[in-house]
Amino acid sequence: MTDATPKPVVIYTSPLCGFCTAAKRLLAKKGVTFEEIDIWAAPDRKPEMIQRAHGSRTVPQIFIDEEHIGGCDELYALERAGKLDPMLAA
C-alpha cells in the first residue's frame, strides 16, 4: 500500500465467526485501520448492515469507502487479483 491516507473501511462481524477473523487478519496485515461493528453486541445495527449490503444477512460484510465489497471470499479474491491495495488507497 502507499503512504496515502487509506479510505475508510467498515466491517460488520459477529463473535466466533472464522470468516470475520480471516477478513480482519488480512486487513490488519495490510495495516488497514477499520471500524468493526459487532452485530451481536449491537443487534440494532443488523438492519443497517442488511440495507447497506443489498439484502445480504451473513457476516462479515465489508465496505471500503462506502462501496460494498461483500464478504471474506470477495475480500481475498480482490487481494489475489491485485485489486485490493488500489481500492484501499486514497
C-alpha atoms as a PDB file:
ATOM      1  CA  MET A   1       0.000   0.000   0.000  1.00  0.00           C
ATOM      2  CA  THR A   2       1.044   3.600  -0.422  1.00  0.00           C
ATOM      3  CA  ASP A   3       1.680   6.120   2.334  1.00  0.00           C
ATOM      4  CA  ALA A   4      -1.518   7.973   1.405  1.00  0.00           C
ATOM      5  CA  THR A   5      -4.336   8.043   3.898  1.00  0.00           C
ATOM      6  CA  PRO A   6      -6.385   4.929   3.257  1.00  0.00           C
ATOM      7  CA  LYS A   7     -10.081   5.013   2.551  1.00  0.00           C
ATOM      8  CA  PRO A   8     -12.400   4.249   5.459  1.00  0.00           C
ATOM      9  CA  VAL A   9     -13.189   0.560   5.922  1.00  0.00           C
ATOM     10  CA  VAL A  10     -16.180  -0.792   7.837  1.00  0.00           C
ATOM     11  CA  ILE A  11     -16.641  -4.474   8.610  1.00  0.00           C
ATOM     12  CA  TYR A  12     -19.754  -5.961  10.190  1.00  0.00           C
ATOM     13  CA  THR A  13     -18.873  -9.028  12.253  1.00  0.00           C
ATOM     14  CA  SER A  14     -20.055 -11.418  14.923  1.00  0.00           C
ATOM     15  CA  PRO A  15     -18.076 -13.322  17.554  1.00  0.00           C
ATOM     16  CA  LEU A  16     -16.761 -16.793  16.740  1.00  0.00           C
ATOM     17  CA  CYS A  17     -17.031 -16.128  13.002  1.00  0.00           C
ATOM     18  CA  GLY A  18     -13.961 -17.614  11.323  1.00  0.00           C
ATOM     19  CA  PHE A  19     -14.560 -15.681   8.109  1.00  0.00           C
ATOM     20  CA  CYS A  20     -14.744 -12.437  10.108  1.00  0.00           C
ATOM     21  CA  THR A  21     -11.443 -13.284  11.793  1.00  0.00           C
ATOM     22  CA  ALA A  22      -9.805 -14.073   8.442  1.00  0.00           C
ATOM     23  CA  ALA A  23     -11.028 -10.826   6.869  1.00  0.00           C
ATOM     24  CA  LYS A  24      -9.845  -8.762   9.854  1.00  0.00           C
ATOM     25  CA  ARG A  25      -6.489 -10.575   9.774  1.00  0.00           C
ATOM     26  CA  LEU A  26      -5.924  -9.645   6.122  1.00  0.00           C
ATOM     27  CA  LEU A  27      -6.852  -6.021   6.737  1.00  0.00           C
ATOM     28  CA  ALA A  28      -4.614  -5.849   9.815  1.00  0.00           C
ATOM     29  CA  LYS A  29      -1.735  -7.459   7.883  1.00  0.00           C
ATOM     30  CA  LYS A  30      -2.074  -4.645   5.354  1.00  0.00           C
ATOM     31  CA  GLY A  31      -2.020  -2.064   8.141  1.00  0.00           C
ATOM     32  CA  VAL A  32      -5.597  -1.015   7.459  1.00  0.00           C
ATOM     33  CA  THR A  33      -7.488   0.637  10.277  1.00  0.00           C
ATOM     34  CA  PHE A  34     -11.133  -0.366  10.156  1.00  0.00           C
ATOM     35  CA  GLU A  35     -14.345   0.204  12.045  1.00  0.00           C
ATOM     36  CA  GLU A  36     -15.718  -3.084  13.342  1.00  0.00           C
ATOM     37  CA  ILE A  37     -19.429  -3.312  14.059  1.00  0.00           C
ATOM     38  CA  ASP A  38     -20.268  -6.425  16.066  1.00  0.00           C
ATOM     39  CA  ILE A  39     -23.907  -7.160  15.254  1.00  0.00           C
ATOM     40  CA  TRP A  40     -24.221  -9.460  18.280  1.00  0.00           C
ATOM     41  CA  ALA A  41     -23.135  -6.694  20.634  1.00  0.00           C
ATOM     42  CA  ALA A  42     -25.181  -4.110  18.718  1.00  0.00           C
ATOM     43  CA  PRO A  43     -28.135  -6.035  17.206  1.00  0.00           C
ATOM     44  CA  ASP A  44     -29.825  -2.754  16.306  1.00  0.00           C
ATOM     45  CA  ARG A  45     -27.110  -2.316  13.636  1.00  0.00           C
ATOM     46  CA  LYS A  46     -28.050  -5.530  11.761  1.00  0.00           C
ATOM     47  CA  PRO A  47     -30.875  -3.921   9.717  1.00  0.00           C
ATOM     48  CA  GLU A  48     -28.389  -1.194   8.721  1.00  0.00           C
ATOM     49  CA  MET A  49     -25.938  -3.875   7.564  1.00  0.00           C
ATOM     50  CA  ILE A  50     -28.610  -5.703   5.569  1.00  0.00           C
ATOM     51  CA  GLN A  51     -29.703  -2.498   3.858  1.00  0.00           C
ATOM     52  CA  ARG A  52     -26.145  -1.394   3.055  1.00  0.00           C
ATOM     53  CA  ALA A  53     -25.282  -4.906   1.816  1.00  0.00           C
ATOM     54  CA  HIS A  54     -28.290  -5.019  -0.517  1.00  0.00           C
ATOM     55  CA  GLY A  55     -30.034  -7.763   1.430  1.00  0.00           C
ATOM     56  CA  SER A  56     -27.047  -9.864   2.467  1.00  0.00           C
ATOM     57  CA  ARG A  57     -27.518 -11.151   6.009  1.00  0.00           C
ATOM     58  CA  THR A  58     -24.280 -13.056   6.629  1.00  0.00           C
ATOM     59  CA  VAL A  59     -21.122 -11.721   8.217  1.00  0.00           C
ATOM     60  CA  PRO A  60     -18.685 -10.383   7.509  1.00  0.00           C
ATOM     61  CA  GLN A  61     -19.980  -7.605   5.291  1.00  0.00           C
ATOM     62  CA  ILE A  62     -17.162  -5.314   4.216  1.00  0.00           C
ATOM     63  CA  PHE A  63     -17.309  -1.768   2.893  1.00  0.00           C
ATOM     64  CA  ILE A  64     -14.430   0.294   1.548  1.00  0.00           C
ATOM     65  CA  ASP A  65     -15.231   3.992   1.258  1.00  0.00           C
ATOM     66  CA  GLU A  66     -18.972   3.163   1.336  1.00  0.00           C
ATOM     67  CA  GLU A  67     -18.588   0.642  -1.523  1.00  0.00           C
ATOM     68  CA  HIS A  68     -19.928  -2.808  -0.642  1.00  0.00           C
ATOM     69  CA  ILE A  69     -17.165  -5.335  -1.213  1.00  0.00           C
ATOM     70  CA  GLY A  70     -19.019  -8.396   0.061  1.00  0.00           C
ATOM     71  CA  GLY A  71     -17.668 -10.949   2.489  1.00  0.00           C
ATOM     72  CA  CYS A  72     -14.377 -12.636   3.251  1.00  0.00           C
ATOM     73  CA  ASP A  73     -14.224 -14.588  -0.017  1.00  0.00           C
ATOM     74  CA  GLU A  74     -14.666 -11.418  -2.055  1.00  0.00           C
ATOM     75  CA  LEU A  75     -12.029  -9.588   0.004  1.00  0.00           C
ATOM     76  CA  TYR A  76      -9.471 -12.343  -0.577  1.00  0.00           C
ATOM     77  CA  ALA A  77     -10.396 -12.520  -4.277  1.00  0.00           C
ATOM     78  CA  LEU A  78      -9.638  -8.807  -4.604  1.00  0.00           C
ATOM     79  CA  GLU A  79      -6.314  -9.387  -2.862  1.00  0.00           C
ATOM     80  CA  ARG A  80      -5.389 -12.298  -5.169  1.00  0.00           C
ATOM     81  CA  ALA A  81      -6.299 -10.215  -8.217  1.00  0.00           C
ATOM     82  CA  GLY A  82      -4.105  -7.325  -7.042  1.00  0.00           C
ATOM     83  CA  LYS A  83      -7.137  -5.028  -6.788  1.00  0.00           C
ATOM     84  CA  LEU A  84      -7.395  -4.590  -3.021  1.00  0.00           C
ATOM     85  CA  ASP A  85      -4.486  -2.192  -2.487  1.00  0.00           C
ATOM     86  CA  PRO A  86      -5.702   0.251  -5.174  1.00  0.00           C
ATOM     87  CA  MET A  87      -9.199   0.170  -3.639  1.00  0.00           C
ATOM     88  CA  LEU A  88      -7.788   0.964  -0.193  1.00  0.00           C
ATOM     89  CA  ALA A  89      -5.540   3.802  -1.393  1.00  0.00           C
ATOM     90  CA  ALA A  90      -6.930   7.299  -1.220  1.00  0.00           C
END
